[in-house]
Amino acid sequence: MGYPMVRMRRLREKEGIRRMIRETHLTLDDLVYPLFVAPGERVRKEIPSMPRNHHISVDLISEEAKTLYDLGIPAVILFGLPETKDPFGSEAWHEDGIVQRAVRAIKKAVSDLVVITDVCLCQYTSTGHCGLVDSSGTRIENDPSCGLLAEVALSHALAGADIVAPSDMMDGRVQAIRRKLDDAGFPHVLILSYAAKYASSFYGPFREAADSAPQFGDRRSYQMDPANSDQALREVELDLDEGADIVMVKPALAYGDVIRRVKDRFRVPVAAYNVSGEYAMIEAAAERGWIDRRSTVLEVLTSLKRAGADIIITYYARDVARWLRDG
């Protein structure tokens, strides 16, 4: 049984009808915009590999936040570039660290904007790794790293963050963060876990933007093999058991199948990160006239929503806000 082909064709004939029967709707409520907070004053510098995205200093971050909020974007996620780096990533949890100051500035200016903070050490450590490196300089120390990540999350909560988002992929870090937050009186601060984060080739522009490239080796020992999807379900289940409120699949575009499996299996809020390499590919092709930028972006983001993402972190959030507003 099913519609005869002629009837299906009629349903596609008029745009108004297509809108009426559309199954998936992309809205501003789905979107989160990443911000890169940089040292200095009066800094607003475009990131070369990510056109129209900028390094922004703390003194300008509240102005940026107001602009985004006025466009209807409900949330931002903050990444910090520290003044200094050391083997322990000390500035990551300092009360006057760059992200902590940015959170306070944003919340003072736009209290209703949801502020998510990336919880990781890679931008802050001299090694560029997401956890502490052992004395041999060759291995990541998982458990000590979890303790420091919990300190980072608490410092963000104290500054006023609504959601903390551990992106490091250390085993047990969600549990460590949940206990630290609860013990300190922050049970209301949510955890958005980068639960299925793959060791991907799509991160290159971000590592330039965040100055977070590893100084030796790679991150395959703690990020996931792109060939695995069953493992993603196990990773998500572990993080939910440890107290994650929202789980993320990263990257997004090549992992729609994983997003769908996670959504179908767990029926919890799922985020997808439309990462820097995905952004850069569209920008490069659009610049050469090979694709239409607007229609391609909307198609990609709609596909992520169709795959099951409730939240989409994307460098296109500002553009999409204007497109949806202007029609």
Foldseek 3Di string as FASTA:
>chain_A
DDDPPVVVVVCVPDPVSCVVPPDFDDDLAQEEEEAEEEDDPPAWAAQVLFGPHTHHHLVCLQVVLVVLVVLVRQEYEYAYQFPAAELALVLLQDLPRRLLSNLLSNCVNPVRRAYEYEQFRLNHHPQLARAHADPVRPDGDQPVRLLVSLSSLVSNVVSPHQEYEYDRQRPPSLLSNCVSCVVVPNNRRAYEYQQQAAQDPQAVSVCSSSVRAGPDDGNPVRHHHPVDQVVSLVSVVSNVVSGHQEYEHPAQQVCLVSLLVNCVPPVGAYEHEPHSSNSSVLVVCVVVVNDPNPVVVVVSVSSRVVSPHSHYYDNCSVVVSVVVVVD
